[in-house]
Amino acid sequence: MKIYTLSRKRNKSQINPKNKNGLNFVHFTQSYKCSVIKKIKNMKKLIMAFLVLATISMSAQRGPRGGEDRKGKDLTVEQMATLKTKKMTLALALDNNQSKKVYNVLLAQAKDRKQAMEARKAQTEKPELTKEQKFAKTNERLDKQIAMQQEMQSILSEDQFKQFKKMSAKRKGEGRRGGKRGRGQRGK
């Protein structure tokens, strides 16, 4: 089947009458081509706008990046210890004597953490640690955790200490970024 083209003038004499079905097949005219091209350009603009909006919305859903909106970043050491003590008082039903002792433990821990953070900020570049230095650093951190746990065990009753262990295990399981999986729990 042949396709016949027409010029801009559409005269009946220009149409080939030898078409079998009596239908006249006409190739795209110039004006029709222009309208199709305009539609394609508009579709491209719409697709690009959609992609830009999708990218912006996905980046907005990601939330704040590292340290931009951390809880307690502008609180003093005493304020952090007070808030954490009040949370523990509510969760573990501590009495006044226990609350004061827990506050002292948490205050000492917060001061140590603040000093370590300031020391890290003072370093302009991250030093490469040897295996022995990594071991010593990890060993020191674990010793502090054991000492804190022993102090909390001496302050709290058995039931309170069990609840405290559950709370700390849950907090460690959430990880640093607030996810549901912690480190080392792959595939569970």
N, C-alpha and C. Protein backbone atom coordinates (compact mmCIF):
# COMPACT_ATOMS: atom_id res chain seq x y z
N MET A 1 0.85 -1.15 0.00
CA MET A 1 0.00 0.00 0.00
C MET A 1 0.90 1.23 0.00
N LYS A 2 0.67 2.15 -0.88
CA LYS A 2 1.49 3.34 -1.00
C LYS A 2 0.87 4.46 -0.19
N ILE A 3 1.75 5.32 0.32
CA ILE A 3 1.28 6.50 1.05
C ILE A 3 1.55 7.71 0.17
N TYR A 4 0.52 8.47 -0.06
CA TYR A 4 0.63 9.63 -0.93
C TYR A 4 0.74 10.88 -0.08
N THR A 5 1.57 11.80 -0.50
CA THR A 5 1.72 13.04 0.23
C THR A 5 1.04 14.16 -0.51
N LEU A 6 0.58 15.10 0.25
CA LEU A 6 -0.07 16.27 -0.33
C LEU A 6 0.77 17.50 -0.03
N SER A 7 0.67 18.45 -0.86
CA SER A 7 1.32 19.72 -0.56
C SER A 7 0.43 20.49 0.40
N ARG A 8 0.79 21.70 0.70
CA ARG A 8 -0.03 22.49 1.61
C ARG A 8 -1.41 22.77 1.03
N LYS A 9 -1.50 22.89 -0.28
CA LYS A 9 -2.81 23.06 -0.90
C LYS A 9 -3.41 21.69 -1.07
N ARG A 10 -4.63 21.54 -0.66
CA ARG A 10 -5.27 20.24 -0.74
C ARG A 10 -6.33 20.27 -1.84
N ASN A 11 -5.92 19.98 -2.99
CA ASN A 11 -6.84 19.90 -4.11
C ASN A 11 -7.19 18.44 -4.34
N LYS A 12 -8.41 18.22 -4.79
CA LYS A 12 -8.83 16.86 -5.08
C LYS A 12 -8.03 16.28 -6.23
N SER A 13 -7.52 17.11 -7.08
CA SER A 13 -6.78 16.63 -8.24
C SER A 13 -5.43 16.05 -7.84
N GLN A 14 -4.92 16.42 -6.68
CA GLN A 14 -3.63 15.94 -6.26
C GLN A 14 -3.71 14.58 -5.57
N ILE A 15 -4.87 14.15 -5.18
CA ILE A 15 -5.03 12.86 -4.52
C ILE A 15 -5.08 11.78 -5.59
N ASN A 16 -4.35 10.72 -5.39
CA ASN A 16 -4.30 9.63 -6.36
C ASN A 16 -5.60 8.83 -6.27
N PRO A 17 -6.35 8.76 -7.30
CA PRO A 17 -7.63 8.05 -7.27
C PRO A 17 -7.49 6.55 -7.37
N LYS A 18 -6.26 6.02 -7.50
CA LYS A 18 -6.08 4.59 -7.70
C LYS A 18 -6.04 3.81 -6.39
N ASN A 19 -6.37 4.41 -5.30
CA ASN A 19 -6.35 3.72 -4.01
C ASN A 19 -7.43 2.65 -4.01
N LYS A 20 -7.09 1.44 -3.56
CA LYS A 20 -8.00 0.30 -3.66
C LYS A 20 -9.27 0.49 -2.84
N ASN A 21 -9.15 0.96 -1.62
CA ASN A 21 -10.30 1.07 -0.74
C ASN A 21 -11.06 2.38 -0.91
N GLY A 22 -10.57 3.23 -1.72
CA GLY A 22 -11.21 4.51 -1.88
C GLY A 22 -10.79 5.48 -0.79
N LEU A 23 -9.85 5.05 0.10
CA LEU A 23 -9.38 5.93 1.17
C LEU A 23 -8.15 6.65 0.71
N ASN A 24 -7.97 7.84 1.16
CA ASN A 24 -6.80 8.62 0.80
C ASN A 24 -5.86 8.66 2.00
N PHE A 25 -4.68 8.06 1.86
CA PHE A 25 -3.67 8.07 2.92
C PHE A 25 -2.78 9.28 2.71
N VAL A 26 -2.65 10.05 3.72
CA VAL A 26 -1.89 11.28 3.61
C VAL A 26 -0.78 11.27 4.65
N HIS A 27 0.39 11.53 4.20
CA HIS A 27 1.52 11.62 5.11
C HIS A 27 1.36 12.88 5.95
N PHE A 28 2.05 12.95 7.05
CA PHE A 28 1.92 14.11 7.93
C PHE A 28 2.18 15.42 7.18
N THR A 29 1.32 16.36 7.35
CA THR A 29 1.57 17.68 6.76
C THR A 29 2.45 18.47 7.70
N GLN A 30 2.94 19.59 7.22
CA GLN A 30 3.88 20.38 8.01
C GLN A 30 3.23 20.89 9.30
N SER A 31 2.00 21.31 9.25
CA SER A 31 1.36 21.84 10.45
C SER A 31 1.12 20.73 11.48
N TYR A 32 0.79 19.55 11.01
CA TYR A 32 0.59 18.44 11.93
C TYR A 32 1.91 18.05 12.58
N LYS A 33 3.00 18.08 11.80
CA LYS A 33 4.31 17.76 12.35
C LYS A 33 4.66 18.73 13.46
N CYS A 34 4.39 20.01 13.25
CA CYS A 34 4.70 21.03 14.26
C CYS A 34 3.92 20.79 15.54
N SER A 35 2.65 20.42 15.42
CA SER A 35 1.85 20.20 16.63
C SER A 35 2.34 18.96 17.39
N VAL A 36 2.75 17.94 16.67
CA VAL A 36 3.28 16.74 17.31
C VAL A 36 4.60 17.06 18.01
N ILE A 37 5.44 17.82 17.38
CA ILE A 37 6.73 18.20 17.98
C ILE A 37 6.49 19.03 19.24
N LYS A 38 5.53 19.95 19.19
CA LYS A 38 5.21 20.75 20.37
C LYS A 38 4.72 19.87 21.52
N LYS A 39 3.90 18.88 21.19
CA LYS A 39 3.39 17.97 22.22
C LYS A 39 4.53 17.16 22.84
N ILE A 40 5.45 16.73 22.03
CA ILE A 40 6.60 15.96 22.54
C ILE A 40 7.45 16.84 23.44
N LYS A 41 7.69 18.08 23.05
CA LYS A 41 8.47 19.00 23.89
C LYS A 41 7.77 19.25 25.22
N ASN A 42 6.45 19.41 25.17
CA ASN A 42 5.70 19.62 26.40
C ASN A 42 5.78 18.39 27.31
N MET A 43 5.72 17.21 26.71
CA MET A 43 5.84 15.98 27.50
C MET A 43 7.22 15.89 28.15
N LYS A 44 8.26 16.27 27.41
CA LYS A 44 9.61 16.26 27.97
C LYS A 44 9.70 17.21 29.16
N LYS A 45 9.10 18.38 29.03
CA LYS A 45 9.11 19.35 30.13
C LYS A 45 8.38 18.78 31.35
N LEU A 46 7.24 18.14 31.11
CA LEU A 46 6.47 17.55 32.21
C LEU A 46 7.27 16.44 32.91
N ILE A 47 7.92 15.60 32.13
CA ILE A 47 8.71 14.51 32.71
C ILE A 47 9.86 15.07 33.53
N MET A 48 10.54 16.09 33.01
CA MET A 48 11.65 16.70 33.75
C MET A 48 11.15 17.33 35.05
N ALA A 49 10.01 18.03 35.00
CA ALA A 49 9.45 18.64 36.20
C ALA A 49 9.09 17.56 37.22
N PHE A 50 8.54 16.46 36.75
CA PHE A 50 8.20 15.36 37.66
C PHE A 50 9.45 14.79 38.32
N LEU A 51 10.50 14.60 37.52
CA LEU A 51 11.75 14.05 38.08
C LEU A 51 12.35 15.00 39.11
N VAL A 52 12.31 16.29 38.85
CA VAL A 52 12.84 17.26 39.81
C VAL A 52 12.03 17.22 41.10
N LEU A 53 10.71 17.21 40.99
CA LEU A 53 9.86 17.16 42.18
C LEU A 53 10.07 15.86 42.96
N ALA A 54 10.21 14.75 42.26
CA ALA A 54 10.43 13.47 42.94
C ALA A 54 11.75 13.49 43.69
N THR A 55 12.78 14.05 43.08
CA THR A 55 14.09 14.12 43.73
C THR A 55 14.03 14.99 44.97
N ILE A 56 13.38 16.12 44.87
CA ILE A 56 13.27 17.04 46.01
C ILE A 56 12.48 16.39 47.14
N SER A 57 11.39 15.73 46.81
CA SER A 57 10.57 15.12 47.86
C SER A 57 11.31 13.97 48.55
N MET A 58 12.10 13.21 47.79
CA MET A 58 12.84 12.11 48.42
C MET A 58 13.94 12.65 49.32
N SER A 59 14.60 13.72 48.92
CA SER A 59 15.64 14.28 49.78
C SER A 59 15.04 14.95 51.00
N ALA A 60 13.83 15.47 50.89
CA ALA A 60 13.17 16.09 52.04
C ALA A 60 12.72 15.04 53.05
N GLN A 61 12.40 13.86 52.59
CA GLN A 61 11.95 12.80 53.49
C GLN A 61 13.10 12.16 54.24
N ARG A 62 14.30 12.36 53.74
CA ARG A 62 15.47 11.75 54.37
C ARG A 62 15.70 12.30 55.77
N GLY A 63 15.34 13.55 56.02
CA GLY A 63 15.49 14.13 57.34
C GLY A 63 16.84 14.78 57.51
N PRO A 64 17.12 15.22 58.73
CA PRO A 64 18.38 15.92 58.97
C PRO A 64 19.58 15.01 58.82
N ARG A 65 20.66 15.57 58.36
CA ARG A 65 21.88 14.80 58.18
C ARG A 65 22.69 14.83 59.45
N GLY A 66 23.78 14.10 59.45
CA GLY A 66 24.61 13.89 60.63
C GLY A 66 24.82 15.10 61.51
N GLY A 67 24.20 15.14 62.67
CA GLY A 67 24.44 16.16 63.65
C GLY A 67 23.71 17.47 63.43
N GLU A 68 22.94 17.61 62.36
CA GLU A 68 22.25 18.87 62.11
C GLU A 68 21.19 19.14 63.17
N ASP A 69 20.45 18.12 63.55
CA ASP A 69 19.35 18.33 64.47
C ASP A 69 19.39 17.27 65.58
N ARG A 70 20.54 17.10 66.16
CA ARG A 70 20.67 16.10 67.21
C ARG A 70 20.05 16.60 68.50
N LYS A 71 19.45 15.69 69.24
CA LYS A 71 18.89 16.05 70.53
C LYS A 71 20.01 16.38 71.50
N GLY A 72 19.86 17.47 72.21
CA GLY A 72 20.79 17.79 73.27
C GLY A 72 22.12 18.35 72.81
N LYS A 73 22.22 18.81 71.58
CA LYS A 73 23.52 19.28 71.14
C LYS A 73 23.89 20.61 71.79
N ASP A 74 22.91 21.37 72.26
CA ASP A 74 23.20 22.64 72.89
C ASP A 74 22.92 22.61 74.40
N LEU A 75 22.71 21.43 74.96
CA LEU A 75 22.46 21.30 76.40
C LEU A 75 23.78 21.19 77.15
N THR A 76 23.75 21.66 78.40
CA THR A 76 24.93 21.50 79.24
C THR A 76 24.98 20.07 79.76
N VAL A 77 26.09 19.72 80.38
CA VAL A 77 26.28 18.38 80.91
C VAL A 77 25.25 18.10 82.01
N GLU A 78 25.02 19.10 82.86
CA GLU A 78 24.06 18.95 83.96
C GLU A 78 22.64 18.77 83.43
N GLN A 79 22.29 19.52 82.38
CA GLN A 79 20.95 19.39 81.80
C GLN A 79 20.74 18.01 81.19
N MET A 80 21.76 17.51 80.49
CA MET A 80 21.65 16.18 79.89
C MET A 80 21.47 15.12 80.98
N ALA A 81 22.27 15.23 82.07
CA ALA A 81 22.17 14.26 83.15
C ALA A 81 20.81 14.34 83.83
N THR A 82 20.29 15.56 84.00
CA THR A 82 18.97 15.73 84.63
C THR A 82 17.88 15.09 83.79
N LEU A 83 17.90 15.35 82.49
CA LEU A 83 16.87 14.78 81.61
C LEU A 83 16.92 13.26 81.59
N LYS A 84 18.13 12.73 81.49
CA LYS A 84 18.27 11.27 81.44
C LYS A 84 17.83 10.65 82.77
N THR A 85 18.13 11.32 83.88
CA THR A 85 17.71 10.82 85.20
C THR A 85 16.19 10.82 85.30
N LYS A 86 15.55 11.88 84.83
CA LYS A 86 14.09 11.94 84.90
C LYS A 86 13.44 10.86 84.04
N LYS A 87 14.03 10.60 82.87
CA LYS A 87 13.50 9.52 82.02
C LYS A 87 13.62 8.17 82.73
N MET A 88 14.78 7.96 83.36
CA MET A 88 14.97 6.69 84.08
C MET A 88 14.06 6.61 85.29
N THR A 89 13.82 7.75 85.97
CA THR A 89 12.92 7.76 87.12
C THR A 89 11.52 7.35 86.69
N LEU A 90 11.08 7.85 85.55
CA LEU A 90 9.76 7.48 85.05
C LEU A 90 9.70 6.02 84.62
N ALA A 91 10.74 5.55 83.94
CA ALA A 91 10.73 4.19 83.41
C ALA A 91 10.92 3.14 84.50
N LEU A 92 11.73 3.46 85.51
CA LEU A 92 12.08 2.46 86.53
C LEU A 92 11.41 2.71 87.87
N ALA A 93 10.64 3.77 88.00
CA ALA A 93 9.97 4.13 89.26
C ALA A 93 11.00 4.26 90.39
N LEU A 94 11.97 5.16 90.20
CA LEU A 94 13.02 5.37 91.20
C LEU A 94 12.50 6.28 92.31
N ASP A 95 13.01 6.06 93.53
CA ASP A 95 12.68 6.98 94.62
C ASP A 95 13.70 8.13 94.61
N ASN A 96 13.55 9.10 95.53
CA ASN A 96 14.41 10.29 95.53
C ASN A 96 15.88 9.94 95.75
N ASN A 97 16.14 9.04 96.68
CA ASN A 97 17.52 8.65 96.98
C ASN A 97 18.17 8.00 95.76
N GLN A 98 17.45 7.09 95.11
CA GLN A 98 17.97 6.44 93.91
C GLN A 98 18.18 7.46 92.78
N SER A 99 17.25 8.39 92.65
CA SER A 99 17.37 9.40 91.60
C SER A 99 18.63 10.24 91.77
N LYS A 100 18.93 10.62 93.00
CA LYS A 100 20.13 11.42 93.26
C LYS A 100 21.39 10.64 92.92
N LYS A 101 21.42 9.37 93.30
CA LYS A 101 22.60 8.55 93.01
C LYS A 101 22.75 8.32 91.50
N VAL A 102 21.64 8.06 90.83
CA VAL A 102 21.67 7.85 89.38
C VAL A 102 22.11 9.14 88.68
N TYR A 103 21.64 10.28 89.19
CA TYR A 103 22.04 11.57 88.61
C TYR A 103 23.56 11.74 88.69
N ASN A 104 24.16 11.41 89.85
CA ASN A 104 25.60 11.55 90.01
C ASN A 104 26.37 10.65 89.03
N VAL A 105 25.88 9.43 88.87
CA VAL A 105 26.53 8.50 87.92
C VAL A 105 26.42 9.03 86.49
N LEU A 106 25.23 9.47 86.11
CA LEU A 106 25.02 9.98 84.76
C LEU A 106 25.77 11.29 84.51
N LEU A 107 25.90 12.11 85.56
CA LEU A 107 26.65 13.35 85.42
C LEU A 107 28.12 13.08 85.14
N ALA A 108 28.69 12.13 85.88
CA ALA A 108 30.09 11.75 85.64
C ALA A 108 30.27 11.19 84.23
N GLN A 109 29.32 10.37 83.80
CA GLN A 109 29.39 9.78 82.45
C GLN A 109 29.27 10.87 81.38
N ALA A 110 28.38 11.84 81.59
CA ALA A 110 28.19 12.91 80.62
C ALA A 110 29.42 13.80 80.54
N LYS A 111 30.08 14.04 81.68
CA LYS A 111 31.31 14.85 81.68
C LYS A 111 32.41 14.14 80.89
N ASP A 112 32.56 12.84 81.12
CA ASP A 112 33.56 12.07 80.37
C ASP A 112 33.28 12.12 78.87
N ARG A 113 32.01 11.96 78.51
CA ARG A 113 31.63 11.98 77.10
C ARG A 113 31.90 13.35 76.48
N LYS A 114 31.60 14.41 77.23
CA LYS A 114 31.82 15.77 76.74
C LYS A 114 33.32 16.04 76.52
N GLN A 115 34.16 15.58 77.45
CA GLN A 115 35.61 15.75 77.31
C GLN A 115 36.13 14.98 76.09
N ALA A 116 35.64 13.78 75.90
CA ALA A 116 36.08 12.99 74.75
C ALA A 116 35.65 13.64 73.44
N MET A 117 34.45 14.21 73.43
CA MET A 117 33.95 14.87 72.23
C MET A 117 34.79 16.12 71.91
N GLU A 118 35.14 16.88 72.94
CA GLU A 118 35.96 18.08 72.72
C GLU A 118 37.36 17.69 72.25
N ALA A 119 37.89 16.59 72.77
CA ALA A 119 39.21 16.13 72.33
C ALA A 119 39.16 15.70 70.85
N ARG A 120 38.06 15.06 70.43
CA ARG A 120 37.92 14.66 69.02
C ARG A 120 37.81 15.88 68.12
N LYS A 121 37.08 16.91 68.60
CA LYS A 121 36.93 18.12 67.79
C LYS A 121 38.24 18.87 67.67
N ALA A 122 39.08 18.80 68.71
CA ALA A 122 40.36 19.50 68.70
C ALA A 122 41.31 18.90 67.66
N GLN A 123 41.16 17.63 67.38
CA GLN A 123 42.01 16.98 66.38
C GLN A 123 41.54 17.42 64.99
N THR A 124 42.47 17.95 64.22
CA THR A 124 42.09 18.41 62.88
C THR A 124 41.95 17.26 61.90
N GLU A 125 42.77 16.25 62.07
CA GLU A 125 42.67 15.08 61.19
C GLU A 125 42.59 13.82 62.04
N LYS A 126 41.93 12.84 61.51
CA LYS A 126 41.75 11.59 62.23
C LYS A 126 43.03 10.76 62.13
N PRO A 127 43.64 10.49 63.28
CA PRO A 127 44.88 9.70 63.22
C PRO A 127 44.58 8.23 62.94
N GLU A 128 45.49 7.59 62.26
CA GLU A 128 45.36 6.16 61.97
C GLU A 128 45.86 5.40 63.21
N LEU A 129 44.97 4.62 63.82
CA LEU A 129 45.31 3.89 65.04
C LEU A 129 45.91 2.53 64.71
N THR A 130 46.86 2.13 65.54
CA THR A 130 47.43 0.79 65.39
C THR A 130 46.49 -0.20 66.06
N LYS A 131 46.76 -1.48 65.89
CA LYS A 131 45.92 -2.51 66.51
C LYS A 131 45.95 -2.39 68.03
N GLU A 132 47.13 -2.10 68.58
CA GLU A 132 47.25 -1.98 70.04
C GLU A 132 46.47 -0.78 70.56
N GLN A 133 46.50 0.33 69.82
CA GLN A 133 45.76 1.52 70.23
C GLN A 133 44.25 1.29 70.14
N LYS A 134 43.82 0.62 69.09
CA LYS A 134 42.40 0.29 68.96
C LYS A 134 41.96 -0.62 70.11
N PHE A 135 42.79 -1.61 70.42
CA PHE A 135 42.48 -2.53 71.52
C PHE A 135 42.39 -1.76 72.83
N ALA A 136 43.36 -0.88 73.09
CA ALA A 136 43.37 -0.12 74.34
C ALA A 136 42.14 0.79 74.45
N LYS A 137 41.78 1.43 73.34
CA LYS A 137 40.62 2.32 73.33
C LYS A 137 39.32 1.54 73.58
N THR A 138 39.17 0.41 72.91
CA THR A 138 37.98 -0.42 73.10
C THR A 138 37.94 -0.98 74.51
N ASN A 139 39.08 -1.41 75.02
CA ASN A 139 39.16 -1.95 76.37
C ASN A 139 38.78 -0.89 77.40
N GLU A 140 39.23 0.33 77.21
CA GLU A 140 38.89 1.43 78.12
C GLU A 140 37.39 1.72 78.10
N ARG A 141 36.82 1.74 76.90
CA ARG A 141 35.38 2.00 76.76
C ARG A 141 34.56 0.91 77.46
N LEU A 142 34.96 -0.35 77.28
CA LEU A 142 34.25 -1.45 77.90
C LEU A 142 34.41 -1.43 79.42
N ASP A 143 35.59 -1.05 79.91
CA ASP A 143 35.79 -0.92 81.37
C ASP A 143 34.86 0.13 81.96
N LYS A 144 34.68 1.25 81.23
CA LYS A 144 33.76 2.29 81.70
C LYS A 144 32.32 1.78 81.73
N GLN A 145 31.95 1.01 80.72
CA GLN A 145 30.59 0.45 80.68
C GLN A 145 30.37 -0.53 81.84
N ILE A 146 31.36 -1.36 82.12
CA ILE A 146 31.24 -2.33 83.22
C ILE A 146 31.12 -1.59 84.54
N ALA A 147 31.95 -0.57 84.75
CA ALA A 147 31.90 0.20 86.00
C ALA A 147 30.55 0.88 86.15
N MET A 148 30.02 1.45 85.06
CA MET A 148 28.71 2.10 85.12
C MET A 148 27.62 1.09 85.44
N GLN A 149 27.69 -0.07 84.83
CA GLN A 149 26.69 -1.11 85.08
C GLN A 149 26.75 -1.58 86.54
N GLN A 150 27.95 -1.72 87.09
CA GLN A 150 28.08 -2.14 88.49
C GLN A 150 27.54 -1.07 89.43
N GLU A 151 27.79 0.19 89.12
CA GLU A 151 27.24 1.27 89.95
C GLU A 151 25.71 1.27 89.90
N MET A 152 25.16 1.08 88.70
CA MET A 152 23.71 1.06 88.56
C MET A 152 23.12 -0.16 89.29
N GLN A 153 23.83 -1.27 89.28
CA GLN A 153 23.35 -2.47 89.96
C GLN A 153 23.33 -2.25 91.48
N SER A 154 24.30 -1.50 92.00
CA SER A 154 24.33 -1.24 93.44
C SER A 154 23.24 -0.25 93.84
N ILE A 155 22.81 0.60 92.92
CA ILE A 155 21.78 1.60 93.23
C ILE A 155 20.38 1.03 93.08
N LEU A 156 20.14 0.26 92.04
CA LEU A 156 18.80 -0.22 91.70
C LEU A 156 18.47 -1.54 92.37
N SER A 157 17.16 -1.80 92.52
CA SER A 157 16.71 -3.11 93.01
C SER A 157 16.85 -4.11 91.86
N GLU A 158 16.60 -5.40 92.16
CA GLU A 158 16.75 -6.43 91.13
C GLU A 158 15.82 -6.21 89.94
N ASP A 159 14.54 -5.93 90.24
CA ASP A 159 13.57 -5.72 89.17
C ASP A 159 13.91 -4.48 88.35
N GLN A 160 14.32 -3.42 89.04
CA GLN A 160 14.69 -2.20 88.34
C GLN A 160 15.92 -2.43 87.46
N PHE A 161 16.87 -3.19 87.98
CA PHE A 161 18.08 -3.45 87.20
C PHE A 161 17.78 -4.29 85.96
N LYS A 162 16.86 -5.26 86.10
CA LYS A 162 16.46 -6.06 84.93
C LYS A 162 15.83 -5.16 83.87
N GLN A 163 14.97 -4.25 84.33
CA GLN A 163 14.33 -3.31 83.40
C GLN A 163 15.37 -2.39 82.76
N PHE A 164 16.34 -1.95 83.56
CA PHE A 164 17.42 -1.10 83.06
C PHE A 164 18.22 -1.84 81.98
N LYS A 165 18.51 -3.12 82.19
CA LYS A 165 19.24 -3.91 81.20
C LYS A 165 18.44 -4.02 79.90
N LYS A 166 17.12 -4.23 80.02
CA LYS A 166 16.27 -4.30 78.83
C LYS A 166 16.30 -2.99 78.07
N MET A 167 16.23 -1.88 78.82
CA MET A 167 16.24 -0.56 78.18
C MET A 167 17.56 -0.31 77.45
N SER A 168 18.66 -0.64 78.09
CA SER A 168 19.96 -0.40 77.46
C SER A 168 20.19 -1.33 76.27
N ALA A 169 19.70 -2.57 76.35
CA ALA A 169 19.84 -3.50 75.22
C ALA A 169 19.00 -3.00 74.03
N LYS A 170 17.82 -2.49 74.32
CA LYS A 170 16.96 -1.98 73.26
C LYS A 170 17.61 -0.76 72.60
N ARG A 171 18.18 0.11 73.42
CA ARG A 171 18.83 1.31 72.90
C ARG A 171 20.04 0.95 72.05
N LYS A 172 20.81 -0.04 72.47
CA LYS A 172 21.98 -0.46 71.69
C LYS A 172 21.55 -1.15 70.40
N GLY A 173 20.43 -1.86 70.44
CA GLY A 173 19.94 -2.56 69.25
C GLY A 173 19.46 -1.60 68.19
N GLU A 174 19.03 -0.41 68.56
CA GLU A 174 18.56 0.57 67.59
C GLU A 174 19.70 1.18 66.80
N GLY A 175 20.88 1.17 67.34
CA GLY A 175 22.03 1.69 66.62
C GLY A 175 22.12 3.20 66.69
N ARG A 176 23.11 3.74 66.03
CA ARG A 176 23.36 5.18 66.09
C ARG A 176 22.37 5.98 65.27
N ARG A 177 21.84 5.43 64.23
CA ARG A 177 20.98 6.18 63.33
C ARG A 177 19.50 5.97 63.62
N GLY A 178 19.17 5.27 64.66
CA GLY A 178 17.77 5.09 65.00
C GLY A 178 17.09 3.98 64.25
N GLY A 179 17.84 3.14 63.56
CA GLY A 179 17.25 2.04 62.81
C GLY A 179 16.86 0.90 63.74
N LYS A 180 16.23 -0.10 63.21
CA LYS A 180 15.78 -1.22 64.02
C LYS A 180 16.86 -2.25 64.21
N ARG A 181 17.85 -2.27 63.31
CA ARG A 181 18.91 -3.27 63.40
C ARG A 181 20.18 -2.62 63.90
N GLY A 182 20.85 -3.25 64.78
CA GLY A 182 22.15 -2.77 65.22
C GLY A 182 23.25 -3.45 64.45
N ARG A 183 24.48 -3.15 64.84
CA ARG A 183 25.60 -3.79 64.17
C ARG A 183 25.65 -5.26 64.55
N GLY A 184 26.04 -6.08 63.63
CA GLY A 184 26.23 -7.50 63.91
C GLY A 184 24.97 -8.33 63.90
N GLN A 185 23.85 -7.73 63.52
CA GLN A 185 22.59 -8.48 63.48
C GLN A 185 22.14 -8.69 62.05
N ARG A 186 23.03 -9.03 61.20
CA ARG A 186 22.69 -9.19 59.80
C ARG A 186 21.82 -10.41 59.59
N GLY A 187 20.81 -10.21 58.73
CA GLY A 187 19.99 -11.32 58.32
C GLY A 187 18.98 -11.79 59.36
N LYS A 188 18.85 -11.10 60.48
CA LYS A 188 17.88 -11.53 61.49
C LYS A 188 16.57 -10.85 61.29
